Protein backbone atom coordinates (compact mmCIF):
# COMPACT_ATOMS: atom_id res chain seq x y z
CA MET A 1 124.75 128.24 84.10
CA GLY A 2 121.24 128.48 82.61
CA GLU A 3 118.67 125.76 82.38
CA TYR A 4 120.07 124.60 79.03
CA SER A 5 123.64 124.02 77.93
CA TRP A 6 125.64 122.16 75.32
CA PRO A 7 128.17 119.55 76.42
CA SER A 8 131.47 121.18 77.28
CA GLY A 9 134.32 120.66 74.80
CA GLY A 10 136.23 118.17 76.92
CA SER A 11 133.32 115.99 78.00
CA PHE A 12 133.17 113.90 74.82
CA HIS A 13 134.44 113.69 71.30
CA ALA A 14 132.73 112.24 68.28
CA PRO A 15 134.35 109.24 66.58
CA VAL A 16 136.88 110.35 64.02
CA SER A 17 136.55 107.37 61.72
CA ALA A 18 133.90 105.07 60.33
CA GLU A 19 135.66 102.15 62.02
CA GLU A 20 135.37 103.81 65.45
CA TRP A 21 131.67 104.45 64.90
CA LEU A 22 131.06 100.85 63.78
CA GLU A 23 132.87 99.62 66.91
CA THR A 24 130.68 101.89 69.06
CA VAL A 25 127.49 100.50 67.48
CA ARG A 26 128.79 96.94 67.87
CA SER A 27 129.73 97.41 71.52
CA LEU A 28 126.54 99.35 72.38
CA PRO A 29 123.77 97.46 70.55
CA VAL A 30 120.10 98.35 70.96
CA GLY A 31 119.03 96.99 74.34
CA ALA A 32 122.47 97.36 75.94
CA PRO A 33 122.48 98.86 79.44
CA ILE A 34 124.49 102.06 79.84
CA SER A 35 125.39 104.53 82.52
CA GLY A 36 126.95 107.94 82.26
CA GLU A 37 127.06 111.53 83.37
CA VAL A 38 124.80 114.23 81.97
CA THR A 39 127.05 116.70 80.14
CA GLY A 40 124.48 119.04 78.59
CA ARG A 41 120.76 119.80 78.38
CA GLN A 42 118.65 121.19 75.57
CA PRO A 43 114.86 121.48 75.13
CA PHE A 44 114.96 118.27 73.06
CA GLY A 45 116.91 116.14 75.55
CA ALA A 46 119.98 115.49 77.69
CA PHE A 47 123.47 114.63 76.42
CA LEU A 48 125.44 111.92 78.22
CA SER A 49 129.02 110.81 78.32
CA VAL A 50 128.66 107.02 78.16
CA ASP A 51 130.81 105.20 80.72
CA GLY A 52 133.51 103.10 79.06
CA HIS A 53 132.84 104.67 75.63
CA PRO A 54 134.48 108.10 75.42
CA GLU A 55 133.75 108.22 71.68
CA ALA A 56 129.97 107.88 72.21
CA VAL A 57 127.54 110.74 72.68
CA GLY A 58 124.40 109.58 74.45
CA LEU A 59 121.14 111.44 73.92
CA ALA A 60 118.04 110.94 76.05
CA ARG A 61 115.27 112.65 74.06
CA VAL A 62 112.32 114.34 75.75
CA ASP A 63 109.83 112.52 73.51
CA ARG A 64 110.63 109.44 75.61
CA MET A 65 110.29 111.30 78.93
CA PRO A 66 107.10 111.00 80.99
CA ARG A 67 105.22 114.30 80.91
CA CYS A 68 105.57 114.99 84.63
CA MET A 69 109.30 114.34 84.84
CA GLU A 70 112.20 116.64 84.08
CA LEU A 71 115.52 116.26 82.35
CA PRO A 72 118.33 115.18 84.67
CA LEU A 73 120.74 117.92 85.70
CA VAL A 74 124.23 118.41 84.28
CA GLY A 75 126.63 116.33 86.38
CA GLN A 76 123.98 113.80 87.40
CA VAL A 77 124.87 110.15 86.81
CA VAL A 78 122.08 108.22 85.08
CA THR A 79 121.43 104.70 83.83
CA GLY A 80 119.46 103.54 80.85
CA GLU A 81 119.25 101.43 77.75
CA VAL A 82 120.36 102.00 74.16
CA VAL A 83 117.33 102.43 71.86
CA TRP A 84 118.86 103.71 68.57
CA HIS A 85 122.00 104.89 66.78
CA ALA A 86 122.39 107.96 64.56
CA GLU A 87 125.36 107.62 62.23
CA HIS A 88 125.20 111.17 60.85
CA ASN A 89 126.02 112.75 64.23
CA HIS A 90 127.42 109.71 66.04
CA GLN A 91 124.76 109.68 68.75
CA VAL A 92 123.54 106.77 70.79
CA GLY A 93 119.89 107.15 71.72
CA VAL A 94 119.09 106.28 75.32
CA THR A 95 115.93 105.74 77.34
CA LEU A 96 116.64 106.46 80.99
CA ARG A 97 115.70 103.83 83.58
CA ALA A 98 113.90 106.42 85.71
CA TRP A 99 111.65 107.17 82.73
CA VAL A 100 110.93 103.52 81.97
CA ALA A 101 110.19 102.74 85.62
CA HIS A 102 107.64 105.57 85.78
CA GLU A 103 104.06 104.39 85.53
CA ASP A 104 101.65 106.76 83.78
CA LEU A 105 98.60 106.76 86.03
CA LEU A 106 96.41 108.87 83.72
CA PRO A 107 94.87 105.90 81.81
CA ARG A 108 93.56 104.52 85.11
CA PHE A 109 91.35 107.59 85.48
CA VAL A 110 89.42 106.92 82.26
CA GLU A 111 87.41 104.30 84.15
CA ARG A 112 86.83 106.70 87.04
CA VAL A 113 84.85 109.36 85.17
CA GLY A 114 81.97 110.41 87.40
CA GLN A 115 83.76 109.51 90.64
CA VAL A 116 84.64 111.99 93.37
CA VAL A 117 88.28 112.10 94.49
CA THR A 118 90.29 114.35 96.76
CA GLY A 119 93.17 116.35 95.34
CA ARG A 120 95.34 119.35 96.09
CA VAL A 121 95.04 122.69 94.28
CA THR A 122 98.36 123.28 92.53
CA LYS A 123 97.77 126.42 90.49
CA ILE A 124 95.13 129.10 90.07
CA ALA A 125 94.77 130.67 86.61
CA PRO A 126 92.35 133.24 85.16
CA PHE A 127 90.39 130.46 83.44
CA GLY A 128 90.25 127.98 86.37
CA PHE A 129 92.42 126.06 88.77
CA PHE A 130 94.42 122.86 88.61
CA VAL A 131 94.06 120.01 91.08
CA ARG A 132 96.56 117.14 91.45
CA ILE A 133 94.55 113.94 91.88
CA ALA A 134 97.49 111.49 91.70
CA HIS A 135 101.24 111.52 91.10
CA CYS A 136 101.71 113.23 87.71
CA VAL A 137 97.96 113.55 87.16
CA GLU A 138 96.43 117.02 87.32
CA GLY A 139 93.08 118.20 86.09
CA LEU A 140 91.47 121.53 85.39
CA VAL A 141 88.41 122.89 87.15
CA PRO A 142 87.28 125.57 84.68
CA LEU A 143 85.90 128.76 86.22
CA ALA A 144 83.00 128.75 83.78
CA GLU A 145 81.88 125.53 85.49
CA GLN A 146 82.24 126.82 89.03
CA GLY A 147 81.62 130.58 88.94
CA ALA A 148 83.49 133.51 90.43
CA ASP A 149 82.70 132.62 94.05
CA THR A 150 84.63 129.36 93.81
CA ALA A 151 87.59 131.08 92.16
CA THR A 152 88.03 133.49 95.05
CA SER A 153 87.51 130.86 97.76
CA VAL A 154 90.11 128.35 96.51
CA ARG A 155 93.80 128.70 97.34
CA GLU A 156 96.95 126.85 96.25
CA GLY A 157 97.81 123.93 98.53
CA GLN A 158 94.20 123.41 99.57
CA ASP A 159 92.76 119.89 99.56
CA LEU A 160 89.53 119.73 97.60
CA SER A 161 86.98 117.13 96.57
CA VAL A 162 86.47 117.06 92.82
CA ARG A 163 84.39 115.00 90.42
CA ILE A 164 86.18 113.56 87.38
CA VAL A 165 84.19 114.87 84.41
CA ALA A 166 86.32 113.71 81.46
CA VAL A 167 89.72 112.15 80.74
CA ASP A 168 91.52 112.42 77.40
CA PRO A 169 94.70 110.26 77.61
CA ASP A 170 95.78 111.16 74.05
CA ARG A 171 95.96 114.86 74.96
CA ALA A 172 96.88 114.21 78.62
CA ARG A 173 93.92 116.24 79.85
CA VAL A 174 91.57 115.77 82.77
CA LEU A 175 88.45 117.88 83.28
CA LEU A 176 87.22 118.21 86.86
CA ALA A 177 84.36 119.87 88.75
CA ALA A 178 84.63 121.03 92.36
CA GLU A 179 82.30 119.09 94.64
CA ASP A 180 82.53 121.32 97.66
CA THR A 181 84.17 124.64 98.35
CA PRO A 182 84.84 126.40 101.63
């Protein structure tokens, strides 16, 4: 099976009547805890079969997913909370507990501009290299800033001291400068 799939035919069925849908909304109000198995994945989110509610189709949308996390795999059991209902396609919107529990560390680095931190080189690209400075926080060291010598002396997996030059939380971008190279 590829990275993306639709829920298989037998994993859920949509409510067949308005009464069934109203009962689903009543029994799964916004804020209600849910659990269920992931039955399909698409670029926009993961489909869930909601435990105890075979008529409900749960959808955990990627716009609620922290940027460094991934969609759960088909067959994985997840927990979450109901955040919306969509009558037109009988979906129950879900925010997964793992996503809510995740703390976005990027805003903390706004106050650290100018500081030197140690990180690990995660990727080398033609325009620079990326350094992970915290869980789910990576920044770019542009080659224009460092020159060709630095680009050839850095390797993936290497620990490196970098200076935090700029942080843009709205665009989830961190600009770094290498402090020392081998």
